[in-house]
Amino acid sequence: MSGQQASFLTKRVNLNGKRVNLAIWDTAGQERFHALGPIYYRESHGAILVYDITDQDSFLKVKNWVRELRRMLGDDICLVIGGNKTDLERERRVSLEEAETYAREVGALHFLTSAKLNQGVEELFLELTRRMLQTALTNDQQRINSLTRGGSTTARNLQIVDDQEAPSSGKSSCCSS
């Protein structure tokens, strides 16, 4: 079954002296993963949905994924939409206004990137991580409030490690060339 699985990658993001290790499932937008999607994203705190600015169909696929993620995970999942291939600006088929308007409508962040030129990628990951942490902290407080009122709750796991206390490990990145 080689070639039938999504790639698993890790990326370390440093925010305010804290290290956040992201576990990333990369399906490369391939349709064969759509039915298997819940296996990959059921415990997710965030998703990066990438479209090619020169390909309107890729933007439509992002919209399908957004609907799927919102349906399965609700509003707790943080979404980032990335318009990739800005190095091909002259061939743009998805207008910036259309993409930014759509992102606002679905509560997602929008970034322009060029994986080829390594532009905007780190900023995208940093902002997604900030938003995931903020959402997790808000949800934790709501869970605590619910439990103190006799309610029940479920939580997805998010771990933060203080760089001052943790031993350094091997460097891993999903975006290295």
N, C-alpha and C. Protein backbone atom coordinates (compact mmCIF):
# COMPACT_ATOMS: atom_id res chain seq x y z
N MET A 1 0.82 -1.19 0.00
CA MET A 1 0.00 0.00 0.00
C MET A 1 0.86 1.25 0.00
N SER A 2 2.04 1.15 -0.45
CA SER A 2 2.92 2.31 -0.51
C SER A 2 2.27 3.39 -1.36
N GLY A 3 2.39 4.63 -0.90
CA GLY A 3 1.81 5.75 -1.63
C GLY A 3 0.34 5.97 -1.31
N GLN A 4 -0.25 5.13 -0.45
CA GLN A 4 -1.66 5.26 -0.11
C GLN A 4 -1.88 5.99 1.21
N GLN A 5 -0.81 6.36 1.90
CA GLN A 5 -0.95 6.99 3.19
C GLN A 5 -0.51 8.44 3.14
N ALA A 6 -1.06 9.22 4.06
CA ALA A 6 -0.63 10.61 4.19
C ALA A 6 0.74 10.63 4.86
N SER A 7 1.47 11.70 4.64
CA SER A 7 2.78 11.85 5.27
C SER A 7 2.60 12.40 6.68
N PHE A 8 3.37 11.86 7.61
CA PHE A 8 3.36 12.38 8.98
C PHE A 8 4.66 13.13 9.21
N LEU A 9 4.54 14.36 9.67
CA LEU A 9 5.70 15.21 9.90
C LEU A 9 5.56 15.87 11.26
N THR A 10 6.66 16.36 11.79
CA THR A 10 6.60 17.17 13.00
C THR A 10 7.29 18.49 12.73
N LYS A 11 6.85 19.50 13.45
CA LYS A 11 7.47 20.82 13.35
C LYS A 11 7.45 21.44 14.72
N ARG A 12 8.58 22.01 15.10
CA ARG A 12 8.68 22.70 16.38
C ARG A 12 8.50 24.19 16.15
N VAL A 13 7.62 24.79 16.95
CA VAL A 13 7.38 26.23 16.90
C VAL A 13 7.69 26.78 18.27
N ASN A 14 8.44 27.86 18.34
CA ASN A 14 8.75 28.51 19.61
C ASN A 14 7.91 29.78 19.74
N LEU A 15 7.15 29.83 20.84
CA LEU A 15 6.32 30.99 21.12
C LEU A 15 6.57 31.43 22.56
N ASN A 16 7.06 32.63 22.72
CA ASN A 16 7.25 33.21 24.05
C ASN A 16 8.02 32.28 24.99
N GLY A 17 9.08 31.67 24.49
CA GLY A 17 9.90 30.81 25.33
C GLY A 17 9.33 29.42 25.54
N LYS A 18 8.21 29.14 24.93
CA LYS A 18 7.60 27.81 25.04
C LYS A 18 7.74 27.11 23.70
N ARG A 19 8.01 25.82 23.78
CA ARG A 19 8.14 25.02 22.57
C ARG A 19 6.84 24.26 22.35
N VAL A 20 6.33 24.37 21.15
CA VAL A 20 5.12 23.63 20.78
C VAL A 20 5.53 22.70 19.65
N ASN A 21 5.33 21.42 19.87
CA ASN A 21 5.62 20.44 18.83
C ASN A 21 4.33 20.13 18.09
N LEU A 22 4.31 20.44 16.81
CA LEU A 22 3.13 20.18 16.00
C LEU A 22 3.27 18.82 15.34
N ALA A 23 2.23 18.03 15.40
CA ALA A 23 2.15 16.75 14.70
C ALA A 23 1.29 17.01 13.47
N ILE A 24 1.86 16.78 12.29
CA ILE A 24 1.21 17.18 11.05
C ILE A 24 0.95 15.97 10.16
N TRP A 25 -0.28 15.85 9.73
CA TRP A 25 -0.64 14.87 8.71
C TRP A 25 -0.80 15.64 7.41
N ASP A 26 -0.01 15.32 6.43
CA ASP A 26 -0.05 16.00 5.14
C ASP A 26 -0.68 15.07 4.11
N THR A 27 -1.90 15.41 3.67
CA THR A 27 -2.57 14.59 2.67
C THR A 27 -2.35 15.12 1.26
N ALA A 28 -1.67 16.25 1.15
CA ALA A 28 -1.40 16.91 -0.14
C ALA A 28 -2.68 17.12 -0.93
N GLY A 29 -3.82 17.21 -0.24
CA GLY A 29 -5.09 17.50 -0.89
C GLY A 29 -5.60 16.39 -1.78
N GLN A 30 -5.01 15.23 -1.70
CA GLN A 30 -5.41 14.14 -2.59
C GLN A 30 -6.79 13.61 -2.21
N GLU A 31 -7.63 13.44 -3.20
CA GLU A 31 -9.00 13.02 -2.99
C GLU A 31 -9.10 11.66 -2.30
N ARG A 32 -8.14 10.78 -2.53
CA ARG A 32 -8.23 9.45 -1.93
C ARG A 32 -8.21 9.51 -0.41
N PHE A 33 -7.76 10.64 0.16
CA PHE A 33 -7.73 10.78 1.61
C PHE A 33 -9.02 11.36 2.17
N HIS A 34 -9.90 11.83 1.29
CA HIS A 34 -11.10 12.50 1.77
C HIS A 34 -11.95 11.57 2.65
N ALA A 35 -12.17 10.35 2.21
CA ALA A 35 -12.96 9.40 3.00
C ALA A 35 -12.24 9.02 4.29
N LEU A 36 -10.91 9.04 4.27
CA LEU A 36 -10.12 8.69 5.45
C LEU A 36 -9.87 9.90 6.34
N GLY A 37 -10.33 11.06 5.93
CA GLY A 37 -10.06 12.29 6.65
C GLY A 37 -10.22 12.21 8.15
N PRO A 38 -11.35 11.68 8.66
CA PRO A 38 -11.54 11.64 10.11
C PRO A 38 -10.43 10.90 10.86
N ILE A 39 -9.81 9.94 10.24
CA ILE A 39 -8.70 9.24 10.87
C ILE A 39 -7.56 10.21 11.15
N TYR A 40 -7.34 11.12 10.22
CA TYR A 40 -6.23 12.06 10.34
C TYR A 40 -6.56 13.29 11.19
N TYR A 41 -7.79 13.77 11.14
CA TYR A 41 -8.06 15.04 11.80
C TYR A 41 -8.96 14.97 13.03
N ARG A 42 -9.36 13.81 13.48
CA ARG A 42 -10.33 13.72 14.58
C ARG A 42 -9.85 14.36 15.88
N GLU A 43 -8.57 14.39 16.14
CA GLU A 43 -8.05 14.99 17.37
C GLU A 43 -7.33 16.32 17.09
N SER A 44 -7.57 16.88 15.93
CA SER A 44 -6.83 18.07 15.51
C SER A 44 -7.30 19.34 16.20
N HIS A 45 -6.34 20.20 16.45
CA HIS A 45 -6.62 21.54 16.97
C HIS A 45 -6.63 22.56 15.84
N GLY A 46 -5.97 22.24 14.74
CA GLY A 46 -5.88 23.18 13.64
C GLY A 46 -5.66 22.49 12.32
N ALA A 47 -5.93 23.23 11.26
CA ALA A 47 -5.71 22.70 9.91
C ALA A 47 -5.22 23.82 9.00
N ILE A 48 -4.29 23.45 8.14
CA ILE A 48 -3.81 24.36 7.11
C ILE A 48 -4.33 23.83 5.79
N LEU A 49 -5.09 24.63 5.11
CA LEU A 49 -5.69 24.25 3.84
C LEU A 49 -5.04 25.13 2.76
N VAL A 50 -4.35 24.49 1.85
CA VAL A 50 -3.55 25.22 0.88
C VAL A 50 -4.17 25.11 -0.51
N TYR A 51 -4.24 26.26 -1.19
CA TYR A 51 -4.65 26.28 -2.58
C TYR A 51 -3.55 26.93 -3.40
N ASP A 52 -3.57 26.64 -4.67
CA ASP A 52 -2.63 27.20 -5.63
C ASP A 52 -3.29 28.45 -6.22
N ILE A 53 -2.68 29.61 -6.07
CA ILE A 53 -3.30 30.86 -6.54
C ILE A 53 -3.52 30.86 -8.06
N THR A 54 -2.89 29.94 -8.76
CA THR A 54 -3.05 29.86 -10.23
C THR A 54 -4.09 28.82 -10.64
N ASP A 55 -4.80 28.24 -9.65
CA ASP A 55 -5.71 27.12 -9.94
C ASP A 55 -7.01 27.28 -9.15
N GLN A 56 -8.06 27.75 -9.82
CA GLN A 56 -9.35 27.98 -9.17
C GLN A 56 -9.91 26.69 -8.58
N ASP A 57 -9.70 25.55 -9.25
CA ASP A 57 -10.21 24.28 -8.75
C ASP A 57 -9.61 23.92 -7.38
N SER A 58 -8.35 24.25 -7.17
CA SER A 58 -7.72 23.97 -5.87
C SER A 58 -8.37 24.80 -4.76
N PHE A 59 -8.85 26.00 -5.09
CA PHE A 59 -9.55 26.83 -4.12
C PHE A 59 -10.91 26.22 -3.78
N LEU A 60 -11.59 25.68 -4.77
CA LEU A 60 -12.87 25.01 -4.52
C LEU A 60 -12.68 23.79 -3.62
N LYS A 61 -11.58 23.08 -3.77
CA LYS A 61 -11.29 21.93 -2.91
C LYS A 61 -11.06 22.37 -1.46
N VAL A 62 -10.42 23.52 -1.29
CA VAL A 62 -10.25 24.07 0.06
C VAL A 62 -11.61 24.31 0.70
N LYS A 63 -12.54 24.85 -0.06
CA LYS A 63 -13.89 25.11 0.46
C LYS A 63 -14.56 23.80 0.89
N ASN A 64 -14.37 22.74 0.13
CA ASN A 64 -14.94 21.44 0.51
C ASN A 64 -14.34 20.95 1.82
N TRP A 65 -13.02 21.08 1.97
CA TRP A 65 -12.36 20.66 3.21
C TRP A 65 -12.83 21.49 4.40
N VAL A 66 -13.01 22.79 4.20
CA VAL A 66 -13.49 23.64 5.30
C VAL A 66 -14.87 23.15 5.75
N ARG A 67 -15.77 22.89 4.81
CA ARG A 67 -17.10 22.39 5.18
C ARG A 67 -16.99 21.08 5.97
N GLU A 68 -16.15 20.18 5.49
CA GLU A 68 -15.95 18.89 6.16
C GLU A 68 -15.40 19.06 7.58
N LEU A 69 -14.38 19.87 7.72
CA LEU A 69 -13.78 20.07 9.04
C LEU A 69 -14.75 20.74 10.01
N ARG A 70 -15.47 21.73 9.56
CA ARG A 70 -16.44 22.40 10.42
C ARG A 70 -17.57 21.44 10.81
N ARG A 71 -18.00 20.61 9.87
CA ARG A 71 -19.07 19.65 10.15
C ARG A 71 -18.62 18.63 11.19
N MET A 72 -17.39 18.14 11.05
CA MET A 72 -16.90 17.09 11.94
C MET A 72 -16.36 17.61 13.27
N LEU A 73 -15.73 18.80 13.27
CA LEU A 73 -15.05 19.28 14.47
C LEU A 73 -15.62 20.58 15.03
N GLY A 74 -16.55 21.18 14.34
CA GLY A 74 -17.17 22.41 14.84
C GLY A 74 -16.24 23.60 14.76
N ASP A 75 -16.51 24.57 15.60
CA ASP A 75 -15.75 25.82 15.57
C ASP A 75 -14.48 25.78 16.39
N ASP A 76 -14.23 24.68 17.11
CA ASP A 76 -13.03 24.61 17.94
C ASP A 76 -11.76 24.45 17.13
N ILE A 77 -11.87 23.95 15.90
CA ILE A 77 -10.66 23.77 15.10
C ILE A 77 -10.27 25.11 14.47
N CYS A 78 -9.00 25.44 14.57
CA CYS A 78 -8.47 26.68 14.01
C CYS A 78 -8.06 26.41 12.56
N LEU A 79 -8.54 27.25 11.68
CA LEU A 79 -8.26 27.05 10.27
C LEU A 79 -7.39 28.17 9.71
N VAL A 80 -6.43 27.77 8.89
CA VAL A 80 -5.62 28.71 8.14
C VAL A 80 -5.71 28.30 6.68
N ILE A 81 -5.99 29.28 5.84
CA ILE A 81 -6.03 29.04 4.40
C ILE A 81 -4.81 29.72 3.80
N GLY A 82 -4.04 28.93 3.07
CA GLY A 82 -2.81 29.45 2.47
C GLY A 82 -2.91 29.49 0.96
N GLY A 83 -2.73 30.67 0.41
CA GLY A 83 -2.65 30.84 -1.04
C GLY A 83 -1.20 30.69 -1.45
N ASN A 84 -0.86 29.55 -2.01
CA ASN A 84 0.53 29.24 -2.34
C ASN A 84 0.86 29.60 -3.79
N LYS A 85 2.14 29.64 -4.06
CA LYS A 85 2.72 29.93 -5.37
C LYS A 85 2.64 31.42 -5.71
N THR A 86 2.87 32.27 -4.71
CA THR A 86 2.88 33.70 -4.98
C THR A 86 4.01 34.10 -5.90
N ASP A 87 4.97 33.21 -6.08
CA ASP A 87 6.03 33.46 -7.05
C ASP A 87 5.49 33.43 -8.48
N LEU A 88 4.25 32.98 -8.65
CA LEU A 88 3.60 32.95 -9.97
C LEU A 88 2.44 33.95 -10.04
N GLU A 89 2.61 35.08 -9.39
CA GLU A 89 1.57 36.10 -9.28
C GLU A 89 0.94 36.47 -10.63
N ARG A 90 1.73 36.55 -11.67
CA ARG A 90 1.20 36.93 -12.99
C ARG A 90 0.20 35.91 -13.54
N GLU A 91 0.26 34.69 -13.01
CA GLU A 91 -0.65 33.64 -13.48
C GLU A 91 -1.82 33.42 -12.52
N ARG A 92 -2.02 34.34 -11.59
CA ARG A 92 -3.06 34.22 -10.56
C ARG A 92 -4.44 34.03 -11.19
N ARG A 93 -5.21 33.05 -10.64
CA ARG A 93 -6.59 32.80 -11.06
C ARG A 93 -7.58 32.96 -9.91
N VAL A 94 -7.08 32.97 -8.68
CA VAL A 94 -7.91 33.18 -7.49
C VAL A 94 -7.56 34.56 -6.96
N SER A 95 -8.54 35.46 -6.99
CA SER A 95 -8.23 36.82 -6.56
C SER A 95 -8.00 36.87 -5.05
N LEU A 96 -7.12 37.76 -4.65
CA LEU A 96 -6.82 37.95 -3.23
C LEU A 96 -8.09 38.33 -2.48
N GLU A 97 -8.89 39.20 -3.06
CA GLU A 97 -10.13 39.64 -2.41
C GLU A 97 -11.08 38.46 -2.18
N GLU A 98 -11.23 37.60 -3.18
CA GLU A 98 -12.11 36.43 -3.04
C GLU A 98 -11.63 35.52 -1.90
N ALA A 99 -10.33 35.26 -1.86
CA ALA A 99 -9.77 34.37 -0.85
C ALA A 99 -9.89 34.96 0.55
N GLU A 100 -9.58 36.24 0.69
CA GLU A 100 -9.65 36.87 2.01
C GLU A 100 -11.09 36.99 2.50
N THR A 101 -12.01 37.29 1.60
CA THR A 101 -13.42 37.37 1.97
C THR A 101 -13.92 36.01 2.45
N TYR A 102 -13.58 34.97 1.70
CA TYR A 102 -14.00 33.63 2.09
C TYR A 102 -13.40 33.25 3.45
N ALA A 103 -12.13 33.51 3.66
CA ALA A 103 -11.49 33.18 4.93
C ALA A 103 -12.21 33.87 6.09
N ARG A 104 -12.52 35.14 5.92
CA ARG A 104 -13.25 35.86 6.98
C ARG A 104 -14.61 35.21 7.24
N GLU A 105 -15.32 34.84 6.18
CA GLU A 105 -16.65 34.24 6.32
C GLU A 105 -16.63 32.95 7.13
N VAL A 106 -15.57 32.18 7.00
CA VAL A 106 -15.50 30.89 7.71
C VAL A 106 -14.65 30.95 8.97
N GLY A 107 -14.22 32.15 9.36
CA GLY A 107 -13.45 32.32 10.58
C GLY A 107 -12.03 31.79 10.50
N ALA A 108 -11.47 31.82 9.30
CA ALA A 108 -10.10 31.32 9.08
C ALA A 108 -9.15 32.49 8.88
N LEU A 109 -7.89 32.23 9.11
CA LEU A 109 -6.85 33.19 8.76
C LEU A 109 -6.45 32.92 7.31
N HIS A 110 -5.99 33.94 6.62
CA HIS A 110 -5.53 33.76 5.24
C HIS A 110 -4.10 34.26 5.13
N PHE A 111 -3.26 33.46 4.51
CA PHE A 111 -1.86 33.83 4.29
C PHE A 111 -1.52 33.58 2.83
N LEU A 112 -0.61 34.40 2.34
CA LEU A 112 -0.02 34.17 1.02
C LEU A 112 1.36 33.58 1.24
N THR A 113 1.67 32.54 0.48
CA THR A 113 2.95 31.85 0.66
C THR A 113 3.57 31.50 -0.68
N SER A 114 4.85 31.25 -0.62
CA SER A 114 5.56 30.64 -1.73
C SER A 114 6.47 29.58 -1.11
N ALA A 115 6.06 28.33 -1.24
CA ALA A 115 6.90 27.25 -0.72
C ALA A 115 8.23 27.24 -1.47
N LYS A 116 8.19 27.55 -2.74
CA LYS A 116 9.40 27.55 -3.56
C LYS A 116 10.42 28.56 -3.04
N LEU A 117 9.94 29.75 -2.66
CA LEU A 117 10.82 30.82 -2.17
C LEU A 117 10.88 30.87 -0.63
N ASN A 118 10.18 29.94 0.02
CA ASN A 118 10.10 29.90 1.48
C ASN A 118 9.62 31.24 2.05
N GLN A 119 8.56 31.77 1.49
CA GLN A 119 7.98 33.03 1.95
C GLN A 119 6.62 32.79 2.58
N GLY A 120 6.42 33.33 3.76
CA GLY A 120 5.13 33.27 4.43
C GLY A 120 4.83 31.98 5.16
N VAL A 121 5.67 30.97 4.99
CA VAL A 121 5.40 29.66 5.58
C VAL A 121 5.55 29.69 7.10
N GLU A 122 6.66 30.22 7.59
CA GLU A 122 6.87 30.28 9.05
C GLU A 122 5.81 31.14 9.73
N GLU A 123 5.47 32.26 9.11
CA GLU A 123 4.45 33.15 9.69
C GLU A 123 3.12 32.42 9.79
N LEU A 124 2.78 31.64 8.78
CA LEU A 124 1.55 30.87 8.78
C LEU A 124 1.54 29.90 9.97
N PHE A 125 2.61 29.15 10.16
CA PHE A 125 2.69 28.19 11.26
C PHE A 125 2.66 28.89 12.61
N LEU A 126 3.36 30.01 12.75
CA LEU A 126 3.37 30.74 14.01
C LEU A 126 1.97 31.23 14.38
N GLU A 127 1.28 31.81 13.43
CA GLU A 127 -0.04 32.35 13.73
C GLU A 127 -1.06 31.25 14.01
N LEU A 128 -0.97 30.15 13.28
CA LEU A 128 -1.86 29.02 13.56
C LEU A 128 -1.60 28.49 14.97
N THR A 129 -0.34 28.37 15.35
CA THR A 129 0.00 27.88 16.69
C THR A 129 -0.52 28.82 17.76
N ARG A 130 -0.34 30.12 17.57
CA ARG A 130 -0.88 31.11 18.53
C ARG A 130 -2.38 30.93 18.70
N ARG A 131 -3.06 30.80 17.58
CA ARG A 131 -4.52 30.69 17.62
C ARG A 131 -4.95 29.38 18.28
N MET A 132 -4.25 28.28 17.99
CA MET A 132 -4.60 27.00 18.61
C MET A 132 -4.41 27.08 20.13
N LEU A 133 -3.33 27.69 20.57
CA LEU A 133 -3.08 27.82 22.01
C LEU A 133 -4.14 28.68 22.68
N GLN A 134 -4.48 29.78 22.04
CA GLN A 134 -5.50 30.67 22.59
C GLN A 134 -6.84 29.94 22.70
N THR A 135 -7.21 29.20 21.67
CA THR A 135 -8.47 28.45 21.68
C THR A 135 -8.44 27.38 22.76
N ALA A 136 -7.31 26.66 22.88
CA ALA A 136 -7.19 25.61 23.88
C ALA A 136 -7.32 26.18 25.29
N LEU A 137 -6.69 27.32 25.55
CA LEU A 137 -6.78 27.93 26.88
C LEU A 137 -8.20 28.39 27.18
N THR A 138 -8.87 28.96 26.19
CA THR A 138 -10.26 29.38 26.36
C THR A 138 -11.15 28.17 26.64
N ASN A 139 -10.95 27.11 25.86
CA ASN A 139 -11.75 25.90 26.05
C ASN A 139 -11.48 25.24 27.39
N ASP A 140 -10.21 25.25 27.83
CA ASP A 140 -9.88 24.70 29.14
C ASP A 140 -10.63 25.44 30.24
N GLN A 141 -10.67 26.75 30.14
CA GLN A 141 -11.37 27.54 31.16
C GLN A 141 -12.86 27.23 31.13
N GLN A 142 -13.42 27.07 29.95
CA GLN A 142 -14.84 26.72 29.85
C GLN A 142 -15.11 25.34 30.42
N ARG A 143 -14.18 24.38 30.20
CA ARG A 143 -14.33 23.03 30.76
C ARG A 143 -14.27 23.07 32.29
N ILE A 144 -13.35 23.86 32.82
CA ILE A 144 -13.23 23.99 34.27
C ILE A 144 -14.53 24.57 34.83
N ASN A 145 -15.04 25.61 34.19
CA ASN A 145 -16.29 26.22 34.64
C ASN A 145 -17.44 25.22 34.58
N SER A 146 -17.49 24.42 33.52
CA SER A 146 -18.54 23.42 33.37
C SER A 146 -18.45 22.36 34.46
N LEU A 147 -17.23 21.89 34.74
CA LEU A 147 -17.05 20.86 35.75
C LEU A 147 -17.40 21.36 37.15
N THR A 148 -17.10 22.62 37.43
CA THR A 148 -17.41 23.16 38.76
C THR A 148 -18.92 23.35 38.93
N ARG A 149 -19.64 23.37 37.81
CA ARG A 149 -21.11 23.45 37.88
C ARG A 149 -21.74 22.07 37.75
N GLY A 150 -20.92 21.01 37.81
CA GLY A 150 -21.45 19.65 37.76
C GLY A 150 -21.62 19.11 36.35
N GLY A 151 -21.07 19.78 35.36
CA GLY A 151 -21.19 19.32 33.98
C GLY A 151 -20.13 18.29 33.63
N SER A 152 -20.18 17.81 32.42
CA SER A 152 -19.15 16.88 31.94
C SER A 152 -18.50 17.50 30.71
N THR A 153 -17.35 16.99 30.37
CA THR A 153 -16.62 17.58 29.26
C THR A 153 -15.67 16.58 28.64
N THR A 154 -15.29 16.85 27.41
CA THR A 154 -14.24 16.08 26.75
C THR A 154 -13.21 17.08 26.26
N ALA A 155 -11.99 16.63 26.12
CA ALA A 155 -10.93 17.54 25.70
C ALA A 155 -9.99 16.85 24.74
N ARG A 156 -9.47 17.61 23.81
CA ARG A 156 -8.40 17.12 22.95
C ARG A 156 -7.10 17.49 23.61
N ASN A 157 -6.07 16.72 23.41
CA ASN A 157 -4.80 16.89 24.09
C ASN A 157 -3.94 17.96 23.39
N LEU A 158 -3.40 18.88 24.18
CA LEU A 158 -2.45 19.87 23.69
C LEU A 158 -1.40 20.04 24.76
N GLN A 159 -0.15 19.82 24.40
CA GLN A 159 0.93 19.91 25.37
C GLN A 159 1.89 21.03 24.99
N ILE A 160 2.31 21.78 26.01
CA ILE A 160 3.26 22.87 25.82
C ILE A 160 4.46 22.58 26.71
N VAL A 161 5.64 22.73 26.17
CA VAL A 161 6.86 22.43 26.91
C VAL A 161 7.68 23.70 27.04
N ASP A 162 8.14 23.99 28.26
CA ASP A 162 9.00 25.14 28.49
C ASP A 162 10.41 24.79 28.03
N ASP A 163 10.95 25.55 27.08
CA ASP A 163 12.28 25.28 26.55
C ASP A 163 13.35 25.32 27.63
N GLN A 164 13.13 26.08 28.69
CA GLN A 164 14.10 26.18 29.76
C GLN A 164 14.24 24.86 30.52
N GLU A 165 13.16 24.09 30.55
CA GLU A 165 13.13 22.87 31.35
C GLU A 165 13.35 21.62 30.53
N ALA A 166 13.10 21.67 29.24
CA ALA A 166 13.15 20.46 28.42
C ALA A 166 14.51 20.29 27.77
N PRO A 167 15.00 19.06 27.74
CA PRO A 167 16.25 18.82 27.03
C PRO A 167 16.05 19.01 25.54
N SER A 168 17.07 19.48 24.88
CA SER A 168 16.99 19.69 23.44
C SER A 168 17.04 18.35 22.72
N SER A 169 16.21 18.21 21.72
CA SER A 169 16.21 16.97 20.95
C SER A 169 16.56 17.29 19.51
N GLY A 170 16.58 16.28 18.68
CA GLY A 170 16.92 16.47 17.27
C GLY A 170 15.97 17.44 16.60
N LYS A 171 16.46 18.17 15.66
CA LYS A 171 15.67 19.16 14.95
C LYS A 171 14.81 18.47 13.92
N SER A 172 13.52 18.79 13.90
CA SER A 172 12.66 18.24 12.89
C SER A 172 11.77 19.33 12.34
N SER A 173 11.55 19.28 11.08
CA SER A 173 10.78 20.32 10.43
C SER A 173 10.04 19.75 9.24
N CYS A 174 8.89 20.30 9.00
CA CYS A 174 8.14 19.83 7.85
C CYS A 174 8.43 20.68 6.63
N CYS A 175 9.09 21.78 6.80
CA CYS A 175 9.23 22.71 5.70
C CYS A 175 10.65 22.89 5.21
N SER A 176 11.57 22.07 5.66
CA SER A 176 12.95 22.21 5.23
C SER A 176 13.11 21.71 3.81
N SER A 177 14.00 22.34 3.10
CA SER A 177 14.23 21.92 1.72
C SER A 177 15.30 20.86 1.68
